[in-house]
Amino acid sequence: METLDLGKHEPEDYEGKHIDCNHVSYRIGPFLASGRSKIVHKLINVRSGLSLHLIKVWRSIVEARAFDHKGIVVKAVLADLAPPSQQIFAYGGAFDFEEYLGSYENWDGSSAATLLNDTDALVRAESHASAIAKFDQILESNPNHTIALTGKGHALLQLKEFSGAFGSVMRADEIEPNKLTYYRNAVRLGSALGFLRYVRVRFERQLRLMLTTGDYELAISAYLDSGLPEKAKELLASLGTMATRSVFEPLRLRTERDLERKSESLAFIETALKAEKSRQQSDESLLPILKKGLQIYAKDIPTRVNLAILLFRTGNLDEAQRILERLIHIVPESLFGTCSAHLAFCEANRGDVVRALDLLDTTATFALNTEKGNGRMDPWDLPRIGKWVTKDGFVLQESPASTIAIIEGLIQECLKRNVPVPHSVQELYQSYLECAEELH
């Protein structure tokens, strides 16, 4: 597909050309209209085949630069509305990118349009299971059909199948992240389900687009619920005069309170740990310190991770598992490996080999992909099977021997049950063996 070149292509040549907008690939669709200043075409998402956006190409880049687009954005923000369009200077010219409010059109010649009409009636009749079956028919022929994914997500939500609902709306947002309703569907449901890392990461990506008060409220709440009041404070400060609105006052007060409690908690833990270290006490003696710290401020991520690790090391696997089940959806990526691996080992000790392998596969795949992306493979880095996390999130490593023993036990159990061992787990196991050899 040829890329659009506004310095070379004539308006009649635009259709069929390719552009990227906010890291999403589009094909310029049919001509819609033209005026004195702009030429309007539909945009078709390359992955989904759906047209949910328009491109309005400026005839004159000078006129585009003179247009007060920033003023329109400011007015929209003050009115608590998403700006109607983005003004983009690229591809040798300028264009406006905005959502297309026209009706759904069937581009691929499939029966999707008819099936969507059927689902409307089923949803109105609250026949959600039947509606899901119709959506699945559409998704069989086009797995990236974002309208069907969103509809299926909403139907699953009505049936209280929360995990499946989140998977559907999150996939729609991943395919078409420039549609604000898809973004909101995913982050609101993710927030309700406690998938706070996803909410934070997705919000930070969305910041390149203007958002409304409600979007900022949700993001600030996610930072606070994640034990990151510093980030909440930064975000409130970035809003300028917008942060003075009454709707933000409870969040501002909560941010100040959480900052005070977090500081008090960390100061207590640091002082108590120094005293214990001087007495060279055991792991068990550190548990009351961390628990007392979490009574002062319950959301600090390093403290919660450390408590889970200490509980694991002292044999309190059920309590460790309860904490880790929540943490794997909250911690930043730098701590995901530690939490996921320890949770896998808890499952292994409980005898659930299948889930243990699944978690370890996730951990290993994440670790190996990250390492390969950095051009190196070092088991001392990720997946960070650590023994302590500092207040800055740095993981102190322990000997790989205990990790090797647990992975070996899992592999042997798999062989007994004829359960295939994921390649990523085998690769991770080999890397730990090599690491152990280097230590000797």
Protein backbone atom coordinates (compact mmCIF):
# COMPACT_ATOMS: atom_id res chain seq x y z
CA MET A 1 0.00 0.00 0.00
CA GLU A 2 1.49 3.33 -1.06
CA THR A 3 1.96 5.98 1.63
CA LEU A 4 0.18 9.30 1.24
CA ASP A 5 2.39 12.18 0.05
CA LEU A 6 0.47 15.45 0.15
CA GLY A 7 3.31 17.20 -1.66
CA LYS A 8 2.98 14.84 -4.61
CA HIS A 9 -0.46 13.26 -4.73
CA GLU A 10 -3.42 15.10 -6.22
CA PRO A 11 -6.76 14.96 -4.33
CA GLU A 12 -8.15 12.41 -6.78
CA ASP A 13 -5.21 10.12 -5.85
CA TYR A 14 -5.80 10.11 -2.07
CA GLU A 15 -8.11 7.10 -1.95
CA GLY A 16 -6.26 3.87 -1.21
CA LYS A 17 -3.16 5.55 0.20
CA HIS A 18 -1.78 4.65 3.63
CA ILE A 19 -1.23 6.80 6.74
CA ASP A 20 -0.37 6.16 10.40
CA CYS A 21 -2.13 8.19 13.06
CA ASN A 22 -1.13 7.77 16.71
CA HIS A 23 0.58 4.47 15.79
CA VAL A 24 -2.52 3.03 14.06
CA SER A 25 -2.49 2.16 10.34
CA TYR A 26 -5.27 3.46 8.11
CA ARG A 27 -6.19 3.28 4.44
CA ILE A 28 -7.78 6.40 2.99
CA GLY A 29 -11.30 5.47 1.97
CA PRO A 30 -13.89 7.00 -0.36
CA PHE A 31 -14.25 10.72 -0.91
CA LEU A 32 -16.98 12.33 1.19
CA ALA A 33 -16.94 16.08 0.58
CA SER A 34 -14.78 19.09 -0.22
CA GLY A 35 -14.86 22.77 0.65
CA ARG A 36 -12.77 25.86 0.19
CA SER A 37 -10.21 24.76 2.80
CA LYS A 38 -10.41 20.96 3.13
CA ILE A 39 -10.99 17.71 1.28
CA VAL A 40 -12.77 15.01 3.32
CA HIS A 41 -12.31 11.23 3.03
CA LYS A 42 -13.28 8.30 5.18
CA LEU A 43 -10.45 6.44 6.92
CA ILE A 44 -10.46 2.64 7.14
CA ASN A 45 -8.59 0.91 9.96
CA VAL A 46 -6.27 -1.59 8.26
CA ARG A 47 -6.70 -4.23 10.98
CA SER A 48 -10.45 -4.06 11.50
CA GLY A 49 -11.55 -2.99 8.03
CA LEU A 50 -13.98 -0.54 9.69
CA SER A 51 -14.36 3.17 9.01
CA LEU A 52 -14.66 4.97 12.34
CA HIS A 53 -12.65 8.12 11.47
CA LEU A 54 -12.35 10.85 8.85
CA ILE A 55 -9.37 12.65 7.36
CA LYS A 56 -9.84 16.31 6.36
CA VAL A 57 -6.86 17.34 4.24
CA TRP A 58 -6.03 21.05 4.25
CA ARG A 59 -5.58 22.52 0.79
CA SER A 60 -3.03 25.01 2.19
CA ILE A 61 -0.55 24.23 4.97
CA VAL A 62 -0.19 27.99 5.56
CA GLU A 63 -3.92 28.27 6.21
CA ALA A 64 -3.75 25.22 8.48
CA ARG A 65 -1.02 26.82 10.58
CA ALA A 66 -2.99 30.05 10.84
CA PHE A 67 -6.12 28.25 12.03
CA ASP A 68 -6.66 28.54 15.80
CA HIS A 69 -6.95 24.81 16.52
CA LYS A 70 -5.45 25.23 20.00
CA GLY A 71 -8.24 27.67 20.84
CA ILE A 72 -10.83 25.05 19.88
CA VAL A 73 -9.08 22.49 22.09
CA VAL A 74 -9.03 24.89 25.06
CA LYS A 75 -12.73 25.69 24.63
CA ALA A 76 -13.53 21.97 24.48
CA VAL A 77 -11.57 21.28 27.67
CA LEU A 78 -13.25 24.18 29.50
CA ALA A 79 -16.63 22.80 28.41
CA ASP A 80 -15.52 19.31 29.56
CA LEU A 81 -15.80 17.96 26.03
CA ALA A 82 -13.31 15.98 23.98
CA PRO A 83 -11.96 18.19 21.15
CA PRO A 84 -13.74 17.45 17.87
CA SER A 85 -10.49 16.74 16.00
CA GLN A 86 -6.71 16.55 16.07
CA GLN A 87 -4.71 18.77 13.75
CA ILE A 88 -1.71 16.86 12.39
CA PHE A 89 1.20 18.10 10.29
CA ALA A 90 2.67 15.12 8.45
CA TYR A 91 2.97 13.43 5.07
CA GLY A 92 4.04 16.67 3.41
CA GLY A 93 1.00 18.68 4.48
CA ALA A 94 -1.66 19.09 7.14
CA PHE A 95 -4.88 17.31 7.97
CA ASP A 96 -7.52 17.04 10.68
CA PHE A 97 -8.22 13.61 12.15
CA GLU A 98 -11.60 13.06 13.79
CA GLU A 99 -14.19 10.41 14.58
CA TYR A 100 -16.73 9.58 11.87
CA LEU A 101 -20.26 9.79 13.19
CA GLY A 102 -21.89 8.12 10.20
CA SER A 103 -23.61 4.76 10.30
CA TYR A 104 -21.77 1.43 10.13
CA GLU A 105 -20.86 0.32 6.62
CA ASN A 106 -20.05 -3.18 5.45
CA TRP A 107 -16.71 -3.00 3.67
CA ASP A 108 -15.79 -6.65 3.40
CA GLY A 109 -18.97 -8.01 1.79
CA SER A 110 -19.69 -10.28 4.78
CA SER A 111 -22.99 -10.67 6.60
CA ALA A 112 -21.74 -8.57 9.53
CA ALA A 113 -24.23 -5.74 8.97
CA THR A 114 -27.22 -8.12 9.06
CA LEU A 115 -25.91 -9.89 12.14
CA LEU A 116 -25.35 -6.58 13.94
CA ASN A 117 -28.96 -5.63 13.25
CA ASP A 118 -30.00 -8.96 14.78
CA THR A 119 -27.90 -8.32 17.89
CA ASP A 120 -29.57 -4.93 18.45
CA ALA A 121 -32.95 -6.62 18.81
CA LEU A 122 -31.52 -9.36 21.05
CA VAL A 123 -29.80 -6.86 23.36
CA ARG A 124 -33.01 -4.82 23.66
CA ALA A 125 -34.80 -8.06 24.59
CA GLU A 126 -32.00 -8.81 27.12
CA SER A 127 -31.23 -12.06 25.28
CA HIS A 128 -27.53 -11.55 25.95
CA ALA A 129 -26.39 -15.15 25.37
CA SER A 130 -28.05 -15.16 21.94
CA ALA A 131 -26.49 -11.78 21.14
CA ILE A 132 -23.05 -13.14 22.06
CA ALA A 133 -23.58 -16.04 19.64
CA LYS A 134 -24.29 -13.52 16.85
CA PHE A 135 -21.24 -11.44 17.75
CA ASP A 136 -19.13 -14.60 17.67
CA GLN A 137 -20.38 -15.30 14.13
CA ILE A 138 -19.06 -11.90 13.05
CA LEU A 139 -15.77 -12.46 14.87
CA GLU A 140 -15.26 -15.82 13.17
CA SER A 141 -14.97 -14.07 9.81
CA ASN A 142 -13.27 -10.92 11.17
CA PRO A 143 -11.60 -11.35 14.59
CA ASN A 144 -10.73 -7.62 14.59
CA HIS A 145 -14.29 -6.35 14.15
CA THR A 146 -14.24 -3.76 16.94
CA ILE A 147 -18.00 -3.12 16.91
CA ALA A 148 -18.66 -6.82 17.49
CA LEU A 149 -15.95 -7.01 20.16
CA THR A 150 -17.45 -4.05 22.01
CA GLY A 151 -20.97 -5.44 21.74
CA LYS A 152 -19.84 -8.84 22.97
CA GLY A 153 -18.04 -7.19 25.89
CA HIS A 154 -21.18 -5.35 26.94
CA ALA A 155 -23.30 -8.51 26.64
CA LEU A 156 -20.79 -10.51 28.73
CA LEU A 157 -20.84 -7.75 31.31
CA GLN A 158 -24.61 -8.10 31.64
CA LEU A 159 -24.07 -11.82 32.29
CA LYS A 160 -21.45 -10.91 34.93
CA GLU A 161 -18.69 -12.64 32.95
CA PHE A 162 -16.26 -9.89 33.87
CA SER A 163 -12.98 -11.39 32.65
CA GLY A 164 -14.39 -12.16 29.21
CA ALA A 165 -16.02 -8.73 29.01
CA PHE A 166 -12.74 -7.01 29.82
CA GLY A 167 -10.87 -9.11 27.25
CA SER A 168 -13.33 -8.09 24.53
CA VAL A 169 -13.40 -4.35 25.21
CA MET A 170 -9.63 -4.27 25.77
CA ARG A 171 -9.06 -5.93 22.38
CA ALA A 172 -11.35 -3.41 20.66
CA ASP A 173 -9.37 -0.59 22.26
CA GLU A 174 -6.06 -2.19 21.27
CA ILE A 175 -7.17 -2.39 17.61
CA GLU A 176 -8.68 1.11 17.48
CA PRO A 177 -7.17 3.16 20.37
CA ASN A 178 -8.12 6.44 18.70
CA LYS A 179 -11.82 5.91 19.44
CA LEU A 180 -12.49 7.53 22.80
CA THR A 181 -15.48 5.32 23.70
CA TYR A 182 -13.33 2.19 23.25
CA TYR A 183 -10.67 3.66 25.52
CA ARG A 184 -13.24 4.52 28.18
CA ASN A 185 -14.93 1.12 28.01
CA ALA A 186 -11.58 -0.59 28.63
CA VAL A 187 -10.16 1.63 31.37
CA ARG A 188 -13.43 1.91 33.31
CA LEU A 189 -13.97 -1.84 33.36
CA GLY A 190 -10.27 -2.41 34.05
CA SER A 191 -10.46 -0.04 36.99
CA ALA A 192 -13.58 -1.74 38.37
CA LEU A 193 -11.87 -5.15 38.14
CA GLY A 194 -8.66 -3.91 39.80
CA PHE A 195 -6.44 -4.12 36.69
CA LEU A 196 -4.75 -0.90 37.71
CA ARG A 197 -1.46 -1.36 35.85
CA TYR A 198 -3.42 -1.61 32.60
CA VAL A 199 -5.41 1.53 33.48
CA ARG A 200 -2.25 3.52 34.28
CA VAL A 201 -0.35 2.44 31.17
CA ARG A 202 -3.33 2.99 28.89
CA PHE A 203 -4.02 6.45 30.33
CA GLU A 204 -0.40 7.50 29.86
CA ARG A 205 -0.60 6.47 26.20
CA GLN A 206 -3.88 8.35 25.80
CA LEU A 207 -2.40 11.59 27.14
CA ARG A 208 -1.29 12.54 23.64
CA LEU A 209 -5.02 13.00 22.96
CA MET A 210 -7.09 15.49 24.93
CA LEU A 211 -9.33 13.97 27.59
CA THR A 212 -12.23 15.18 29.70
CA THR A 213 -12.57 15.70 33.45
CA GLY A 214 -13.98 12.20 33.96
CA ASP A 215 -10.97 10.61 32.26
CA TYR A 216 -8.56 12.50 34.53
CA GLU A 217 -10.61 11.62 37.63
CA LEU A 218 -10.35 7.92 36.80
CA ALA A 219 -6.58 8.14 36.17
CA ILE A 220 -5.90 10.00 39.43
CA SER A 221 -7.96 7.43 41.34
CA ALA A 222 -6.00 4.62 39.66
CA TYR A 223 -2.69 6.17 40.75
CA LEU A 224 -3.96 6.53 44.32
CA ASP A 225 -5.35 2.97 44.43
CA SER A 226 -1.99 1.74 43.09
CA GLY A 227 -0.05 3.35 45.95
CA LEU A 228 1.35 6.10 43.71
CA PRO A 229 0.16 9.38 45.30
CA GLU A 230 3.26 11.12 43.86
CA LYS A 231 1.98 10.43 40.33
CA ALA A 232 -1.50 11.61 41.32
CA LYS A 233 0.02 14.86 42.59
CA GLU A 234 1.99 15.33 39.35
CA LEU A 235 -1.14 14.77 37.27
CA LEU A 236 -3.18 17.23 39.34
CA ALA A 237 -0.42 19.82 38.95
CA SER A 238 -0.34 19.28 35.17
CA LEU A 239 -4.03 20.18 34.92
CA GLY A 240 -3.38 23.80 35.91
CA THR A 241 -6.55 25.79 36.54
CA MET A 242 -8.63 22.76 35.54
CA ALA A 243 -7.54 21.12 38.83
CA THR A 244 -9.34 23.85 40.81
CA ARG A 245 -12.72 22.46 39.78
CA SER A 246 -14.76 21.17 42.70
CA VAL A 247 -14.85 17.67 41.21
CA PHE A 248 -11.09 17.33 41.87
CA GLU A 249 -11.19 18.58 45.48
CA PRO A 250 -11.81 15.13 47.09
CA LEU A 251 -8.97 13.66 45.00
CA ARG A 252 -6.61 16.49 45.96
CA LEU A 253 -7.37 15.96 49.67
CA ARG A 254 -6.96 12.20 49.31
CA THR A 255 -3.63 12.71 47.52
CA GLU A 256 -2.29 14.91 50.33
CA ARG A 257 -3.46 12.42 52.97
CA ASP A 258 -1.92 9.44 51.12
CA LEU A 259 1.40 11.26 50.70
CA GLU A 260 1.56 11.92 54.46
CA ARG A 261 0.64 8.34 55.37
CA LYS A 262 3.06 6.84 52.87
CA SER A 263 5.91 8.98 54.19
CA GLU A 264 5.05 8.01 57.79
CA SER A 265 4.83 4.32 56.88
CA LEU A 266 8.16 4.22 55.02
CA ALA A 267 9.94 6.13 57.79
CA PHE A 268 8.64 3.64 60.39
CA ILE A 269 9.67 0.63 58.27
CA GLU A 270 13.13 2.01 57.53
CA THR A 271 13.85 2.73 61.21
CA ALA A 272 12.51 -0.63 62.39
CA LEU A 273 14.42 -2.58 59.73
CA LYS A 274 17.69 -0.92 60.72
CA ALA A 275 17.11 -1.97 64.32
CA GLU A 276 16.32 -5.55 63.29
CA LYS A 277 19.32 -5.70 60.97
CA SER A 278 21.64 -4.73 63.81
CA ARG A 279 20.25 -7.68 65.79
CA GLN A 280 20.48 -9.99 62.72
CA GLN A 281 16.98 -11.32 63.26
CA SER A 282 15.22 -13.91 61.08
CA ASP A 283 12.71 -13.39 58.29
CA GLU A 284 9.86 -14.05 60.74
CA SER A 285 10.89 -11.07 62.85
CA LEU A 286 10.45 -8.75 59.86
CA LEU A 287 6.81 -9.71 59.24
CA PRO A 288 5.33 -7.60 62.10
CA ILE A 289 7.29 -4.56 60.86
CA LEU A 290 5.86 -4.74 57.34
CA LYS A 291 2.36 -5.45 58.63
CA LYS A 292 2.54 -2.44 60.97
CA GLY A 293 3.78 -0.30 58.08
CA LEU A 294 0.82 -1.39 55.97
CA GLN A 295 -1.56 -0.51 58.82
CA ILE A 296 -0.28 3.07 58.51
CA TYR A 297 -0.49 3.09 54.69
CA ALA A 298 -1.95 -0.01 53.06
CA LYS A 299 -1.17 0.61 49.39
CA ASP A 300 2.62 0.94 49.14
CA ILE A 301 3.70 -1.46 46.39
CA PRO A 302 7.27 -2.37 47.52
CA THR A 303 6.03 -3.00 51.07
CA ARG A 304 3.23 -5.26 49.84
CA VAL A 305 5.61 -7.17 47.56
CA ASN A 306 8.12 -7.59 50.38
CA LEU A 307 5.42 -8.86 52.72
CA ALA A 308 4.30 -11.41 50.12
CA ILE A 309 7.88 -12.57 49.54
CA LEU A 310 8.56 -12.90 53.28
CA LEU A 311 5.30 -14.82 53.77
CA PHE A 312 6.34 -17.14 50.95
CA ARG A 313 9.83 -17.66 52.42
CA THR A 314 8.40 -18.38 55.87
CA GLY A 315 5.91 -20.93 54.55
CA ASN A 316 2.74 -18.79 54.83
CA LEU A 317 1.79 -19.65 51.26
CA ASP A 318 -1.97 -19.04 51.44
CA GLU A 319 -1.52 -15.54 52.81
CA ALA A 320 1.25 -14.82 50.29
CA GLN A 321 -0.94 -16.04 47.47
CA ARG A 322 -3.87 -13.77 48.43
CA ILE A 323 -1.60 -10.73 48.30
CA LEU A 324 0.12 -11.76 45.06
CA GLU A 325 -3.19 -12.44 43.26
CA ARG A 326 -4.01 -8.74 43.66
CA LEU A 327 -0.50 -7.43 43.09
CA ILE A 328 0.07 -9.00 39.66
CA HIS A 329 -2.58 -6.62 38.28
CA ILE A 330 -1.21 -3.53 40.05
CA VAL A 331 2.59 -3.57 40.17
CA PRO A 332 4.65 -1.86 37.45
CA GLU A 333 6.25 -4.09 34.83
CA SER A 334 9.58 -4.00 36.68
CA LEU A 335 7.99 -5.97 39.55
CA PHE A 336 5.61 -8.14 37.53
CA GLY A 337 8.19 -10.93 37.16
CA THR A 338 8.81 -11.18 40.89
CA CYS A 339 5.09 -11.30 41.74
CA SER A 340 4.11 -13.64 38.93
CA ALA A 341 6.94 -16.09 39.66
CA HIS A 342 6.27 -16.21 43.41
CA LEU A 343 2.57 -16.75 42.69
CA ALA A 344 3.54 -19.60 40.35
CA PHE A 345 5.59 -21.16 43.13
CA CYS A 346 2.67 -20.82 45.57
CA GLU A 347 0.49 -22.70 43.08
CA ALA A 348 3.19 -25.34 42.66
CA ASN A 349 3.31 -25.89 46.41
CA ARG A 350 -0.49 -26.21 46.46
CA GLY A 351 -0.25 -28.87 43.74
CA ASP A 352 -1.88 -26.89 40.91
CA VAL A 353 0.79 -27.66 38.34
CA VAL A 354 -1.21 -26.41 35.35
CA ARG A 355 -1.74 -22.91 36.76
CA ALA A 356 1.82 -22.81 38.11
CA LEU A 357 3.16 -23.58 34.64
CA ASP A 358 0.85 -21.01 33.07
CA LEU A 359 2.05 -18.30 35.46
CA LEU A 360 5.70 -19.30 35.04
CA ASP A 361 5.22 -19.33 31.26
CA THR A 362 3.85 -15.78 31.47
CA THR A 363 6.75 -14.74 33.67
CA ALA A 364 9.35 -16.38 31.45
CA THR A 365 7.88 -15.07 28.21
CA PHE A 366 7.80 -11.55 29.62
CA ALA A 367 11.36 -11.89 30.88
CA LEU A 368 12.79 -13.41 27.71
CA ASN A 369 11.04 -10.94 25.42
CA THR A 370 12.30 -8.03 27.50
CA GLU A 371 15.83 -9.38 27.57
CA LYS A 372 15.89 -10.13 23.85
CA GLY A 373 14.61 -6.63 23.21
CA ASN A 374 17.65 -5.34 25.11
CA GLY A 375 19.92 -7.63 23.13
CA ARG A 376 20.94 -9.72 26.13
CA MET A 377 19.75 -12.60 28.31
CA ASP A 378 20.51 -12.31 32.00
CA PRO A 379 18.42 -14.21 34.55
CA TRP A 380 19.72 -11.92 37.28
CA ASP A 381 17.67 -9.09 35.77
CA LEU A 382 14.18 -10.21 34.76
CA PRO A 383 12.14 -12.13 35.88
CA ARG A 384 13.57 -10.83 39.14
CA ILE A 385 12.98 -13.78 41.43
CA GLY A 386 14.08 -11.55 44.28
CA LYS A 387 14.24 -11.50 48.03
CA TRP A 388 13.68 -7.82 48.78
CA VAL A 389 12.32 -4.71 47.05
CA THR A 390 13.62 -1.28 48.05
CA LYS A 391 11.34 1.75 48.33
CA ASP A 392 12.55 2.73 44.82
CA GLY A 393 11.34 -0.59 43.42
CA PHE A 394 14.82 -2.14 43.05
CA VAL A 395 14.81 -5.92 43.51
CA LEU A 396 17.66 -7.49 45.45
CA GLN A 397 18.37 -10.94 44.05
CA GLU A 398 18.76 -14.20 45.86
CA SER A 399 20.63 -17.31 44.78
CA PRO A 400 18.97 -19.01 41.78
CA ALA A 401 19.23 -22.39 43.51
CA SER A 402 15.75 -22.28 45.04
CA THR A 403 14.26 -21.16 41.73
CA ILE A 404 15.99 -24.01 39.90
CA ALA A 405 14.68 -26.54 42.42
CA ILE A 406 11.10 -25.38 42.03
CA ILE A 407 11.25 -25.30 38.21
CA GLU A 408 12.82 -28.77 38.21
CA GLY A 409 10.02 -30.02 40.44
CA LEU A 410 7.44 -28.56 38.07
CA ILE A 411 9.09 -30.13 35.03
CA GLN A 412 9.24 -33.55 36.74
CA GLU A 413 5.58 -33.26 37.72
CA CYS A 414 4.71 -32.41 34.12
CA LEU A 415 6.57 -35.46 32.85
CA LYS A 416 4.62 -37.67 35.28
CA ARG A 417 1.31 -36.22 34.05
CA ASN A 418 2.27 -36.00 30.36
CA VAL A 419 1.75 -32.24 30.48
CA PRO A 420 3.87 -30.38 27.89
CA VAL A 421 6.40 -27.93 29.34
CA PRO A 422 6.25 -24.53 27.58
CA HIS A 423 9.37 -23.71 25.58
CA SER A 424 9.77 -20.39 27.42
CA VAL A 425 9.92 -22.24 30.78
CA GLN A 426 12.55 -24.63 29.41
CA GLU A 427 14.57 -21.64 28.16
CA LEU A 428 14.27 -19.86 31.51
CA TYR A 429 15.31 -23.03 33.36
CA GLN A 430 18.40 -23.36 31.15
CA SER A 431 19.35 -19.74 31.81
CA TYR A 432 19.19 -20.32 35.57
CA LEU A 433 21.37 -23.41 35.26
CA GLU A 434 23.96 -21.38 33.36
CA CYS A 435 23.75 -18.68 36.01
CA ALA A 436 24.33 -21.21 38.80
CA GLU A 437 27.33 -22.64 36.97
CA GLU A 438 28.87 -19.15 36.72
CA LEU A 439 28.47 -18.71 40.48
CA HIS A 440 30.55 -21.82 41.07
